[in-house]
Amino acid sequence: MKTSTVQKSAPTELRTRISEGIEITGEVRFTEVLRVDSNITGKLISETGCLVVGETGMVQAEVHAGFVEVFGTIKGTIFARCKVEIRTGGRVYGDIYTPILNIEHGAMFDGKCRMIEEN
């Protein structure tokens, strides 16, 4: 029997917020919860953390995280170890690799999804 050490629920305590008016280009590494309400271009990386893209957030990046929740826009490939949720009004343009994908009514997803096994 395979024992999983991956966290089953998203971290909930907001640790870091990139607010409106800030633009970042490059590689961003984070733990816990990162909320983006601005523009990020490049790469976002977290082993098990949660990326939340707020309504005003625009992420043009390759994303590696445990959980990804999208209220704004992501343009790029998403690799989520646990789950991706595209909320009403959220937009994802790119491919998604995750074991669980939830797309709410009123959300937009333009790409391919590969359902991967949970680690």
Protein backbone atom coordinates (compact mmCIF):
# COMPACT_ATOMS: atom_id res chain seq x y z
CA MET A 1 0.00 0.00 0.00
CA LYS A 2 1.39 3.38 -1.06
CA THR A 3 1.58 6.01 1.68
CA SER A 4 1.15 9.59 0.56
CA THR A 5 2.93 12.43 2.34
CA VAL A 6 1.34 15.14 0.22
CA GLN A 7 -0.90 17.56 2.04
CA LYS A 8 -4.57 16.96 1.13
CA SER A 9 -5.92 20.43 1.85
CA ALA A 10 -4.61 23.82 0.82
CA PRO A 11 -2.80 25.94 3.39
CA THR A 12 -5.14 28.73 4.49
CA GLU A 13 -3.02 31.28 6.36
CA LEU A 14 -2.00 34.08 3.99
CA ARG A 15 1.73 34.68 4.43
CA THR A 16 2.69 36.78 1.42
CA ARG A 17 0.76 39.17 -0.80
CA ILE A 18 2.00 40.89 -3.94
CA SER A 19 -0.36 43.84 -4.22
CA GLU A 20 -1.52 45.97 -7.13
CA GLY A 21 1.06 48.34 -8.58
CA ILE A 22 3.95 45.89 -8.33
CA GLU A 23 5.45 44.13 -11.36
CA ILE A 24 7.87 41.24 -11.00
CA THR A 25 9.87 39.58 -13.76
CA GLY A 26 11.89 36.47 -12.94
CA GLU A 27 11.67 33.49 -10.64
CA VAL A 28 9.60 33.68 -7.44
CA ARG A 29 9.92 30.91 -4.83
CA PHE A 30 7.44 30.72 -1.96
CA THR A 31 6.13 28.53 0.85
CA GLU A 32 2.71 28.50 2.48
CA VAL A 33 0.23 30.86 0.71
CA LEU A 34 1.12 33.50 -1.89
CA ARG A 35 -1.61 35.84 -3.15
CA VAL A 36 -0.91 37.76 -6.36
CA ASP A 37 -2.95 40.89 -7.13
CA SER A 38 -0.46 42.35 -9.63
CA ASN A 39 1.66 41.30 -12.63
CA ILE A 40 4.25 38.52 -12.49
CA THR A 41 6.17 37.24 -15.51
CA GLY A 42 8.58 34.29 -15.34
CA LYS A 43 8.31 31.30 -13.01
CA LEU A 44 6.51 30.69 -9.68
CA ILE A 45 7.76 27.74 -7.62
CA SER A 46 6.59 26.07 -4.41
CA GLU A 47 6.77 22.40 -3.43
CA THR A 48 3.49 22.29 -1.52
CA GLY A 49 2.38 25.91 -1.14
CA CYS A 50 -0.79 27.52 -2.42
CA LEU A 51 -0.85 30.17 -5.15
CA VAL A 52 -3.92 32.41 -5.20
CA VAL A 53 -4.25 34.71 -8.19
CA GLY A 54 -6.63 37.51 -7.16
CA GLU A 55 -9.15 39.22 -9.44
CA THR A 56 -6.60 41.86 -10.51
CA GLY A 57 -3.73 39.37 -10.76
CA MET A 58 -2.03 38.65 -14.11
CA VAL A 59 0.49 35.80 -14.05
CA GLN A 60 2.40 35.04 -17.24
CA ALA A 61 4.53 32.21 -15.97
CA GLU A 62 5.23 28.55 -15.52
CA VAL A 63 3.64 27.69 -12.18
CA HIS A 64 4.73 24.84 -9.87
CA ALA A 65 2.71 24.60 -6.63
CA GLY A 66 0.75 22.26 -4.43
CA PHE A 67 -2.52 24.14 -4.94
CA VAL A 68 -3.51 26.85 -7.43
CA GLU A 69 -6.65 28.96 -7.10
CA VAL A 70 -7.43 31.41 -9.92
CA PHE A 71 -9.74 34.41 -9.65
CA GLY A 72 -7.68 36.51 -12.11
CA THR A 73 -5.61 35.38 -15.11
CA ILE A 74 -2.81 32.87 -15.67
CA LYS A 75 -1.11 32.56 -19.05
CA GLY A 76 1.29 29.64 -18.95
CA THR A 77 1.64 26.04 -17.83
CA ILE A 78 0.44 24.99 -14.38
CA PHE A 79 1.89 22.01 -12.52
CA ALA A 80 -0.13 21.47 -9.33
CA ARG A 81 0.67 18.51 -7.08
CA CYS A 82 -2.78 18.48 -5.45
CA LYS A 83 -5.45 20.68 -7.07
CA VAL A 84 -6.29 23.55 -9.43
CA GLU A 85 -9.46 25.59 -8.98
CA ILE A 86 -10.54 28.16 -11.55
CA ARG A 87 -13.13 30.35 -9.86
CA THR A 88 -15.95 32.34 -11.47
CA GLY A 89 -14.31 35.13 -13.49
CA GLY A 90 -10.93 33.37 -13.46
CA ARG A 91 -9.08 32.70 -16.72
CA VAL A 92 -6.38 30.18 -17.55
CA TYR A 93 -4.70 30.14 -20.96
CA GLY A 94 -2.32 27.20 -21.04
CA ASP A 95 -1.95 23.58 -20.07
CA ILE A 96 -2.65 22.17 -16.62
CA TYR A 97 -1.08 19.08 -14.99
CA THR A 98 -2.88 18.13 -11.78
CA PRO A 99 -4.76 15.23 -10.13
CA ILE A 100 -7.84 17.42 -9.44
CA LEU A 101 -9.28 20.23 -11.58
CA ASN A 102 -12.35 22.26 -10.61
CA ILE A 103 -13.74 24.86 -13.04
CA GLU A 104 -16.64 26.96 -11.78
CA HIS A 105 -19.45 28.29 -13.97
CA GLY A 106 -18.31 31.59 -15.51
CA ALA A 107 -14.63 30.65 -15.51
CA MET A 108 -12.51 30.27 -18.67
CA PHE A 109 -9.98 27.54 -19.49
CA ASP A 110 -8.25 27.44 -22.87
CA GLY A 111 -5.70 24.65 -22.98
CA LYS A 112 -5.21 20.97 -22.28
CA CYS A 113 -5.40 19.19 -18.97
CA ARG A 114 -3.43 16.09 -18.05
CA MET A 115 -4.74 14.37 -14.95
CA ILE A 116 -1.69 13.16 -13.06
CA GLU A 117 -1.46 10.84 -10.07
CA GLU A 118 -1.13 12.40 -6.65
CA ASN A 119 2.37 11.95 -5.22
